[in-house]
Amino acid sequence: MTTVNASIQGLLGLLQLGQRVRAAASVEELGFIAVNETRAVLAYRQAVLWRDGDAHRIAALSGVPQVDPGTPYAQWLARLFRELAPLPAPRAVDVQALPRLLAEEWGSWLPAHALAVPLPRTGGGLQGTLLLARDPAWSEEEMALAGELGALLGHGLFALRPRERWWRALLTRLRTRRLWWKIALGVLVVGALPVRLSALAPAEVTPIDPFVVRSPLDGVIDRLAVAPNQPVARDALLFDLDATTLRGRYASARKAYETALEEYRQSAQLAVTDDKSKLQMAERLGDLKQKQVDLGYSADQLARVQVKAERAGVAVFADVNDWTGKAVSVGEKVLVLADPAKVELTGYLPVGDQLALAAGADVTFYPKASPFSAFHAQVDSVAYKAAPTDEGILAYRVKAHFTGAGAPPRLGLMGTARLYGGRVPLAYLLLRRPLATLRQWVG
């Protein structure tokens, strides 16, 4: 058969093989076709199908229904394919270029001449290699025909591949060293991006320079005359203390004063004619002055049971029922009078989230009552020492004044404040807490 006739015969065989490849129902069936039925395209004595990514790598052998990877032949072929570099096109295998041990054992397993046919993957890359071996050398025409054969088998393998899960495809890509370098470089670049260090802290709107109303006496609160957040005018009644005991003391002191006054008058009348009564008059005068002081003290205390506002403002306290009937001591805080137009932000920064805050640092306040609203403020001061909050959290108290031309938030509003520090790398922001915890353990 001439070379032209052989080429025509090969092309006809390639057309028939295309029908068989399209009809293949599985990868195993296609592998059998690749190593046994491709003789209609190219003449060979032995054929081996090597697939990248398979568990045993060798997918099919000519004349063998099933591949046993433990046989010496299969192990030698696996070593051979690992030495063959990825091929862009069919190429005759140079036995002399192989490692010495493989070259010496070549004649024991394969004929003298072998052709490595790459099986390209749709979209780029290789998914395997078809090795064809025979005694005569391979011609250029046969290599060109082998290229078409490889493209046909590669397309069939790609069409019959199992649908790979996304995470497996990702792991396959991650196995490449170049991708790892790209990922590492990307992590370094992103980690070096400068971002503002910030922390969240519970916060509330508090009055500036509030007037604290305290109990003037030891006693029991009888009633509160104002409600929480009620505007109060100057000299308006705030609350009353129970005056029952004080009225009794005042009545007793007044009775004692009147008695001492009568005794003094009698002594003064007798002192006109009796020298001895002059001495008693002096004693009665001293007793009268003492009773007068006691009466004045009782009257003063009785007058102080009504506590009035010393200045106008809004009454700030929790609940009327919390104070009605409660025993208080002198100087105990009952409520606060505040100017609703003069407010500031008080935040409680937990010790674990501490960051360097200077005067003028930016703060954004997000009220719980209106999560889509935000108020901007600037730090005035930060407590040098942490103290427990009402929730038992150790935190630093942060004072800030509101900025902007809009109306300040309502007095007593609760929410969350985001405190901003200086700029740091993104990696430091993400690893700040883990590093702090590690430092506590390592020391």
Protein backbone atom coordinates (compact mmCIF):
# COMPACT_ATOMS: atom_id res chain seq x y z
CA MET A 1 0.00 0.00 0.00
CA THR A 2 1.37 3.37 -0.98
CA THR A 3 1.72 6.28 1.44
CA VAL A 4 -1.17 8.15 -0.29
CA ASN A 5 -3.45 5.13 -0.06
CA ALA A 6 -2.48 4.65 3.60
CA SER A 7 -3.32 8.28 4.37
CA ILE A 8 -6.70 8.00 2.62
CA GLN A 9 -7.40 4.77 4.45
CA GLY A 10 -6.47 6.48 7.73
CA LEU A 11 -8.82 9.39 7.07
CA LEU A 12 -11.68 7.01 6.31
CA GLY A 13 -10.89 5.13 9.49
CA LEU A 14 -10.88 8.42 11.41
CA LEU A 15 -14.41 9.17 10.15
CA GLN A 16 -15.65 5.76 11.23
CA LEU A 17 -13.88 6.11 14.59
CA GLY A 18 -15.63 9.45 15.14
CA GLN A 19 -18.98 7.66 15.01
CA ARG A 20 -17.77 5.10 17.58
CA VAL A 21 -16.44 7.84 19.88
CA ARG A 22 -19.73 9.76 19.75
CA ALA A 23 -21.63 6.57 20.55
CA ALA A 24 -19.46 5.73 23.58
CA ALA A 25 -21.53 5.73 26.78
CA SER A 26 -18.72 5.85 29.35
CA VAL A 27 -15.09 6.77 29.83
CA GLU A 28 -14.20 3.09 30.14
CA GLU A 29 -15.80 2.30 26.78
CA LEU A 30 -13.99 5.20 25.17
CA GLY A 31 -10.70 3.97 26.65
CA PHE A 32 -11.26 0.54 25.11
CA ILE A 33 -11.93 2.18 21.73
CA ALA A 34 -8.76 4.30 22.03
CA VAL A 35 -6.37 1.36 22.56
CA ASN A 36 -8.05 -1.27 20.36
CA GLU A 37 -10.12 0.25 17.55
CA THR A 38 -7.76 3.06 16.52
CA ARG A 39 -5.84 0.57 14.35
CA ALA A 40 -8.24 1.58 11.59
CA VAL A 41 -6.53 4.99 11.66
CA LEU A 42 -2.88 4.14 12.48
CA ALA A 43 -1.11 0.82 12.42
CA TYR A 44 0.50 -0.13 15.77
CA ARG A 45 1.24 -3.20 17.88
CA GLN A 46 0.63 -1.91 21.41
CA ALA A 47 -1.34 1.02 22.78
CA VAL A 48 -1.58 2.61 26.25
CA LEU A 49 -4.04 5.29 27.43
CA TRP A 50 -2.71 7.48 30.21
CA ARG A 51 -5.15 9.84 31.93
CA ASP A 52 -4.16 12.76 34.11
CA GLY A 53 -6.03 12.81 37.38
CA ASP A 54 -7.09 9.16 37.44
CA ALA A 55 -6.36 7.16 40.54
CA HIS A 56 -4.06 4.69 38.76
CA ARG A 57 -3.18 6.98 35.84
CA ILE A 58 -3.18 4.11 33.28
CA ALA A 59 -6.76 3.97 32.02
CA ALA A 60 -6.55 1.27 29.31
CA LEU A 61 -4.13 -1.20 27.65
CA SER A 62 -4.50 -2.80 24.23
CA GLY A 63 -5.49 -6.45 24.37
CA VAL A 64 -6.24 -6.29 28.12
CA PRO A 65 -9.86 -6.01 29.37
CA GLN A 66 -8.86 -4.52 32.74
CA VAL A 67 -5.70 -2.76 33.96
CA ASP A 68 -3.94 -4.15 37.02
CA PRO A 69 -1.71 -1.36 38.36
CA GLY A 70 0.30 -3.83 40.42
CA THR A 71 1.83 -5.67 37.46
CA PRO A 72 5.46 -4.92 36.51
CA TYR A 73 4.32 -3.79 33.06
CA ALA A 74 1.85 -1.25 34.48
CA GLN A 75 4.38 0.03 37.00
CA TRP A 76 7.03 0.46 34.30
CA LEU A 77 4.55 2.33 32.08
CA ALA A 78 3.62 4.62 34.99
CA ARG A 79 7.30 5.51 35.47
CA LEU A 80 7.60 6.13 31.71
CA PHE A 81 4.64 8.52 31.54
CA ARG A 82 5.92 10.46 34.53
CA GLU A 83 9.11 11.12 32.62
CA LEU A 84 7.34 12.30 29.48
CA ALA A 85 6.84 16.06 29.47
CA PRO A 86 3.44 17.48 28.41
CA LEU A 87 3.29 17.59 24.63
CA PRO A 88 1.63 20.26 22.48
CA ALA A 89 1.52 17.90 19.47
CA PRO A 90 2.20 14.22 18.66
CA ARG A 91 5.87 13.35 18.97
CA ALA A 92 7.99 10.25 18.59
CA VAL A 93 9.48 9.12 21.89
CA ASP A 94 13.28 9.38 21.97
CA VAL A 95 14.31 6.28 23.90
CA GLN A 96 17.90 7.49 24.27
CA ALA A 97 16.70 10.66 26.05
CA LEU A 98 14.99 8.64 28.78
CA PRO A 99 16.66 7.77 32.08
CA ARG A 100 19.11 4.89 31.77
CA LEU A 101 16.98 2.30 33.58
CA LEU A 102 13.89 3.07 31.51
CA ALA A 103 15.88 2.99 28.27
CA GLU A 104 17.46 -0.38 29.15
CA GLU A 105 14.07 -1.94 29.97
CA TRP A 106 12.30 -0.46 26.92
CA GLY A 107 12.91 -3.48 24.69
CA SER A 108 11.41 -5.80 27.29
CA TRP A 109 8.03 -4.06 27.22
CA LEU A 110 7.54 -2.09 24.00
CA PRO A 111 8.55 -2.17 20.33
CA ALA A 112 11.36 0.08 19.13
CA HIS A 113 9.30 3.09 18.04
CA ALA A 114 6.54 4.80 20.02
CA LEU A 115 4.38 7.82 19.30
CA ALA A 116 3.02 9.96 22.16
CA VAL A 117 -0.32 11.53 21.19
CA PRO A 118 -1.62 14.28 23.54
CA LEU A 119 -5.35 14.39 24.32
CA PRO A 120 -6.23 18.09 24.67
CA ARG A 121 -8.91 19.38 27.01
CA THR A 122 -11.63 21.72 25.75
CA GLY A 123 -10.69 25.16 27.01
CA GLY A 124 -6.97 24.41 27.29
CA GLY A 125 -4.69 21.93 29.01
CA LEU A 126 -4.22 18.18 28.62
CA GLN A 127 -6.30 15.37 30.04
CA GLY A 128 -4.17 12.45 28.99
CA THR A 129 -1.79 10.84 26.48
CA LEU A 130 -2.22 7.95 24.04
CA LEU A 131 1.00 5.97 23.47
CA LEU A 132 1.18 3.93 20.23
CA ALA A 133 4.15 1.56 19.75
CA ARG A 134 5.32 -0.52 16.76
CA ASP A 135 8.48 -1.65 15.06
CA PRO A 136 8.56 0.71 12.01
CA ALA A 137 9.31 4.39 12.52
CA TRP A 138 6.54 6.97 12.37
CA SER A 139 6.22 9.22 9.32
CA GLU A 140 5.26 12.90 9.26
CA GLU A 141 1.92 12.08 7.59
CA GLU A 142 1.10 9.63 10.38
CA MET A 143 1.99 12.21 13.05
CA ALA A 144 -0.39 14.72 11.43
CA LEU A 145 -3.12 12.08 11.36
CA ALA A 146 -2.31 11.25 15.00
CA GLY A 147 -2.95 14.91 15.89
CA GLU A 148 -6.50 14.65 14.56
CA LEU A 149 -6.93 11.35 16.37
CA GLY A 150 -5.82 12.93 19.65
CA ALA A 151 -8.22 15.87 19.21
CA LEU A 152 -11.10 13.45 18.54
CA LEU A 153 -10.37 11.29 21.59
CA GLY A 154 -9.74 14.35 23.77
CA HIS A 155 -13.10 15.82 22.84
CA GLY A 156 -14.78 12.51 23.66
CA LEU A 157 -13.06 12.23 27.04
CA PHE A 158 -14.03 15.76 27.95
CA ALA A 159 -17.67 15.15 27.00
CA LEU A 160 -17.84 11.97 29.12
CA ARG A 161 -16.04 13.39 32.14
CA PRO A 162 -17.93 13.18 35.46
CA ARG A 163 -19.39 16.50 36.53
CA GLU A 164 -16.82 17.83 38.92
CA ARG A 165 -17.99 19.62 42.06
CA TRP A 166 -16.90 23.23 42.36
CA TRP A 167 -14.74 22.58 45.41
CA ARG A 168 -12.91 19.77 43.68
CA ALA A 169 -12.22 21.99 40.70
CA LEU A 170 -10.91 24.62 43.07
CA LEU A 171 -8.63 22.09 44.77
CA THR A 172 -7.36 20.97 41.39
CA ARG A 173 -6.45 24.54 40.49
CA LEU A 174 -4.87 25.11 43.89
CA ARG A 175 -2.44 22.26 43.24
CA THR A 176 -0.57 24.43 40.77
CA ARG A 177 2.36 26.29 42.28
CA ARG A 178 1.84 29.37 40.11
CA LEU A 179 -1.69 29.82 41.49
CA TRP A 180 -0.37 29.56 45.04
CA TRP A 181 2.09 32.34 44.32
CA LYS A 182 -0.72 34.49 42.92
CA ILE A 183 -2.87 33.82 45.98
CA ALA A 184 0.00 34.62 48.35
CA LEU A 185 0.76 37.84 46.48
CA GLY A 186 -2.91 38.81 46.54
CA VAL A 187 -3.14 38.14 50.28
CA LEU A 188 -0.07 40.30 50.90
CA VAL A 189 -1.43 43.15 48.79
CA VAL A 190 -4.88 43.04 50.40
CA GLY A 191 -3.39 42.64 53.87
CA ALA A 192 -1.27 45.76 53.37
CA LEU A 193 -4.21 47.96 52.43
CA PRO A 194 -4.54 50.80 54.98
CA VAL A 195 -7.85 50.88 56.84
CA ARG A 196 -9.08 52.85 59.84
CA LEU A 197 -8.92 50.98 63.10
CA SER A 198 -12.29 51.12 64.82
CA ALA A 199 -14.21 49.60 67.70
CA LEU A 200 -17.85 49.39 68.73
CA ALA A 201 -19.02 50.47 72.17
CA PRO A 202 -22.41 50.90 73.84
CA ALA A 203 -23.24 54.58 74.23
CA GLU A 204 -25.94 56.95 75.44
CA VAL A 205 -26.81 60.62 75.08
CA THR A 206 -26.11 62.34 78.42
CA PRO A 207 -26.55 65.96 79.59
CA ILE A 208 -23.74 68.48 79.78
CA ASP A 209 -23.28 70.08 83.22
CA PRO A 210 -26.45 68.60 84.76
CA PHE A 211 -27.81 69.81 88.11
CA VAL A 212 -28.05 66.93 90.56
CA VAL A 213 -31.02 67.11 92.93
CA ARG A 214 -30.24 65.38 96.24
CA SER A 215 -32.24 64.60 99.33
CA PRO A 216 -31.79 67.41 101.90
CA LEU A 217 -32.74 65.17 104.83
CA ASP A 218 -32.81 61.62 106.04
CA GLY A 219 -36.32 60.40 105.42
CA VAL A 220 -38.82 58.75 103.11
CA ILE A 221 -39.96 60.19 99.78
CA ASP A 222 -43.70 60.80 100.01
CA ARG A 223 -44.38 61.64 96.36
CA LEU A 224 -42.74 62.92 93.21
CA ALA A 225 -44.40 65.92 91.62
CA VAL A 226 -42.77 65.44 88.19
CA ALA A 227 -42.60 62.66 85.62
CA PRO A 228 -39.49 61.40 83.79
CA ASN A 229 -38.35 63.76 81.00
CA GLN A 230 -40.86 66.40 82.09
CA PRO A 231 -39.84 70.04 81.57
CA VAL A 232 -39.52 71.81 84.91
CA ALA A 233 -39.54 75.57 85.60
CA ARG A 234 -37.40 77.26 88.23
CA ASP A 235 -38.80 76.96 91.79
CA ALA A 236 -41.25 74.25 90.68
CA LEU A 237 -41.91 71.46 93.21
CA LEU A 238 -39.96 68.28 92.46
CA PHE A 239 -40.75 65.92 95.35
CA ASP A 240 -41.92 65.84 98.99
CA LEU A 241 -40.42 63.98 101.92
CA ASP A 242 -42.71 62.43 104.50
CA ALA A 243 -43.17 65.18 107.17
CA THR A 244 -45.00 63.15 109.84
CA THR A 245 -41.98 62.69 112.09
CA LEU A 246 -40.73 66.22 111.48
CA ARG A 247 -44.09 67.74 112.36
CA GLY A 248 -44.07 65.85 115.64
CA ARG A 249 -40.56 67.08 116.39
CA TYR A 250 -41.56 70.63 115.52
CA ALA A 251 -44.64 70.52 117.75
CA SER A 252 -42.58 69.13 120.63
CA ALA A 253 -39.90 71.81 120.16
CA ARG A 254 -42.53 74.55 120.01
CA LYS A 255 -44.17 73.31 123.22
CA ALA A 256 -40.80 73.21 124.95
CA TYR A 257 -40.03 76.72 123.74
CA GLU A 258 -43.34 78.08 124.99
CA THR A 259 -42.80 76.43 128.38
CA ALA A 260 -39.29 77.86 128.66
CA LEU A 261 -40.60 81.30 127.67
CA GLU A 262 -43.26 81.22 130.40
CA GLU A 263 -40.71 80.11 133.01
CA TYR A 264 -38.40 82.94 131.95
CA ARG A 265 -41.19 85.51 132.30
CA GLN A 266 -42.02 84.32 135.82
CA SER A 267 -38.34 84.48 136.83
CA ALA A 268 -38.07 88.00 135.41
CA GLN A 269 -41.07 89.20 137.50
CA LEU A 270 -39.67 87.69 140.71
CA ALA A 271 -36.20 89.12 140.07
CA VAL A 272 -37.56 92.64 140.63
CA THR A 273 -38.02 92.02 144.39
CA ASP A 274 -35.88 88.92 145.03
CA ASP A 275 -32.12 88.81 144.43
CA LYS A 276 -32.14 85.03 144.45
CA SER A 277 -34.61 85.02 141.55
CA LYS A 278 -32.11 87.04 139.45
CA LEU A 279 -29.83 83.97 139.35
CA GLN A 280 -32.75 81.74 138.28
CA MET A 281 -33.68 84.28 135.58
CA ALA A 282 -30.22 83.91 134.00
CA GLU A 283 -30.60 80.11 133.97
CA ARG A 284 -34.09 80.37 132.48
CA LEU A 285 -32.76 82.70 129.76
CA GLY A 286 -30.10 80.19 128.74
CA ASP A 287 -32.67 77.41 128.60
CA LEU A 288 -34.99 79.64 126.54
CA LYS A 289 -32.28 80.33 123.98
CA GLN A 290 -31.55 76.60 123.65
CA LYS A 291 -35.24 75.82 123.10
CA GLN A 292 -35.39 78.63 120.55
CA VAL A 293 -32.49 77.08 118.62
CA ASP A 294 -34.18 73.67 118.71
CA LEU A 295 -37.41 75.20 117.46
CA GLY A 296 -35.62 76.99 114.63
CA TYR A 297 -33.83 73.78 113.61
CA SER A 298 -37.11 71.83 113.57
CA ALA A 299 -38.80 74.57 111.57
CA ASP A 300 -35.92 74.62 109.07
CA GLN A 301 -36.09 70.85 108.58
CA LEU A 302 -39.85 70.97 108.17
CA ALA A 303 -39.48 73.67 105.53
CA ARG A 304 -37.00 71.52 103.59
CA VAL A 305 -39.33 68.55 103.07
CA GLN A 306 -40.50 70.21 99.86
CA VAL A 307 -37.65 70.09 97.32
CA LYS A 308 -37.94 72.64 94.53
CA ALA A 309 -36.01 73.17 91.30
CA GLU A 310 -33.16 75.62 91.60
CA ARG A 311 -33.06 76.03 87.84
CA ALA A 312 -35.15 75.17 84.79
CA GLY A 313 -34.56 71.95 82.86
CA VAL A 314 -35.82 68.45 82.15
CA ALA A 315 -36.26 65.99 85.02
CA VAL A 316 -34.07 62.97 84.29
CA PHE A 317 -34.77 59.78 86.26
CA ALA A 318 -36.04 56.29 85.55
CA ASP A 319 -39.48 55.83 87.10
CA VAL A 320 -41.72 57.50 89.69
CA ASN A 321 -42.48 54.15 91.34
CA ASP A 322 -38.78 53.54 91.96
CA TRP A 323 -38.71 56.50 94.38
CA THR A 324 -42.17 56.74 95.91
CA GLY A 325 -41.95 55.42 99.48
CA LYS A 326 -38.20 54.86 99.28
CA ALA A 327 -36.02 55.72 102.27
CA VAL A 328 -33.22 58.11 101.38
CA SER A 329 -30.31 59.54 103.28
CA VAL A 330 -29.10 63.10 103.25
CA GLY A 331 -27.19 63.91 100.06
CA GLU A 332 -28.53 60.89 98.13
CA LYS A 333 -29.11 61.58 94.41
CA VAL A 334 -32.78 61.47 93.43
CA LEU A 335 -32.92 63.01 89.95
CA VAL A 336 -31.09 65.30 87.55
CA LEU A 337 -32.16 68.56 85.93
CA ALA A 338 -30.68 68.85 82.44
CA ASP A 339 -30.87 71.21 79.50
CA PRO A 340 -32.11 69.14 76.50
CA ALA A 341 -30.21 71.43 74.12
CA LYS A 342 -26.89 70.73 75.84
CA VAL A 343 -26.10 67.05 75.40
CA GLU A 344 -23.01 64.95 74.75
CA LEU A 345 -22.23 61.35 73.92
CA THR A 346 -20.95 58.99 76.60
CA GLY A 347 -19.51 55.70 75.37
CA TYR A 348 -18.22 52.69 77.26
CA LEU A 349 -15.30 51.13 75.38
CA PRO A 350 -14.63 47.55 76.58
CA VAL A 351 -11.08 46.81 77.69
CA GLY A 352 -10.76 44.06 75.07
CA ASP A 353 -11.48 46.55 72.26
CA GLN A 354 -9.24 49.32 73.53
CA LEU A 355 -7.55 51.47 70.89
CA ALA A 356 -5.55 54.67 70.94
CA LEU A 357 -8.05 57.55 70.98
CA ALA A 358 -6.88 61.15 70.92
CA ALA A 359 -8.95 64.26 71.48
CA GLY A 360 -10.78 65.04 68.25
CA ALA A 361 -11.04 61.40 67.10
CA ASP A 362 -14.13 60.71 65.01
CA VAL A 363 -17.16 58.94 66.47
CA THR A 364 -20.36 57.79 64.76
CA PHE A 365 -23.40 57.17 66.95
CA TYR A 366 -26.16 54.76 65.80
CA PRO A 367 -29.31 55.01 67.97
CA LYS A 368 -31.20 51.80 68.69
CA ALA A 369 -34.51 53.60 68.21
CA SER A 370 -33.50 54.65 64.68
CA PRO A 371 -30.93 52.24 63.19
CA PHE A 372 -30.84 54.08 59.86
CA SER A 373 -29.89 57.38 61.49
CA ALA A 374 -26.35 58.36 62.45
CA PHE A 375 -24.89 61.25 64.40
CA HIS A 376 -21.28 62.35 64.12
CA ALA A 377 -19.22 63.40 67.11
CA GLN A 378 -15.62 63.98 68.20
CA VAL A 379 -13.86 62.67 71.28
CA ASP A 380 -13.31 65.11 74.13
CA SER A 381 -11.79 62.83 76.76
CA VAL A 382 -11.11 59.20 77.60
CA ALA A 383 -10.99 57.89 81.16
CA TYR A 384 -7.48 56.85 82.15
CA LYS A 385 -8.83 53.93 84.20
CA ALA A 386 -11.45 51.35 83.29
CA ALA A 387 -14.47 50.92 85.56
CA PRO A 388 -17.32 48.36 85.66
CA THR A 389 -20.51 49.34 83.84
CA ASP A 390 -24.05 48.53 84.99
CA GLU A 391 -23.80 45.31 82.97
CA GLY A 392 -20.60 44.32 84.78
CA ILE A 393 -18.30 44.97 81.79
CA LEU A 394 -14.95 46.60 82.47
CA ALA A 395 -14.81 49.59 80.13
CA TYR A 396 -13.26 53.01 79.58
CA ARG A 397 -15.67 55.96 79.66
CA VAL A 398 -15.40 58.11 76.52
CA LYS A 399 -16.89 61.61 76.30
CA ALA A 400 -17.60 63.18 72.90
CA HIS A 401 -19.41 66.26 71.63
CA PHE A 402 -21.76 66.19 68.66
CA THR A 403 -20.76 67.97 65.47
CA GLY A 404 -22.78 69.20 62.53
CA ALA A 405 -25.46 71.80 62.02
CA GLY A 406 -28.43 69.50 62.68
CA ALA A 407 -30.32 69.12 65.93
CA PRO A 408 -28.59 66.91 68.51
CA PRO A 409 -30.16 63.56 69.43
CA ARG A 410 -32.72 63.29 72.20
CA LEU A 411 -31.48 63.17 75.78
CA GLY A 412 -31.29 59.61 77.12
CA LEU A 413 -31.12 57.96 73.70
CA MET A 414 -29.27 54.62 73.77
CA GLY A 415 -27.31 53.05 70.93
CA THR A 416 -23.92 51.97 69.63
CA ALA A 417 -20.92 54.18 68.94
CA ARG A 418 -18.18 53.37 66.43
CA LEU A 419 -14.92 54.89 67.61
CA TYR A 420 -12.23 55.50 64.99
CA GLY A 421 -8.50 55.36 65.63
CA GLY A 422 -5.55 55.69 63.27
CA ARG A 423 -4.94 53.85 60.00
CA VAL A 424 -3.45 50.35 60.17
CA PRO A 425 -2.91 47.51 57.65
CA LEU A 426 -5.97 45.36 57.04
CA ALA A 427 -4.06 42.30 58.26
CA TYR A 428 -3.51 43.94 61.64
CA LEU A 429 -7.20 44.79 61.91
CA LEU A 430 -8.21 41.18 61.25
CA LEU A 431 -5.52 39.59 63.43
CA ARG A 432 -5.56 42.07 66.32
CA ARG A 433 -7.73 40.01 68.64
CA PRO A 434 -6.19 36.61 67.79
CA LEU A 435 -2.72 38.07 68.35
CA ALA A 436 -3.79 39.57 71.68
CA THR A 437 -5.20 36.20 72.79
CA LEU A 438 -2.04 34.42 71.63
CA ARG A 439 0.08 36.91 73.52
CA GLN A 440 -1.86 36.18 76.70
CA TRP A 441 -1.19 32.46 76.32
CA VAL A 442 2.39 32.65 75.12
CA GLY A 443 3.48 35.62 77.23
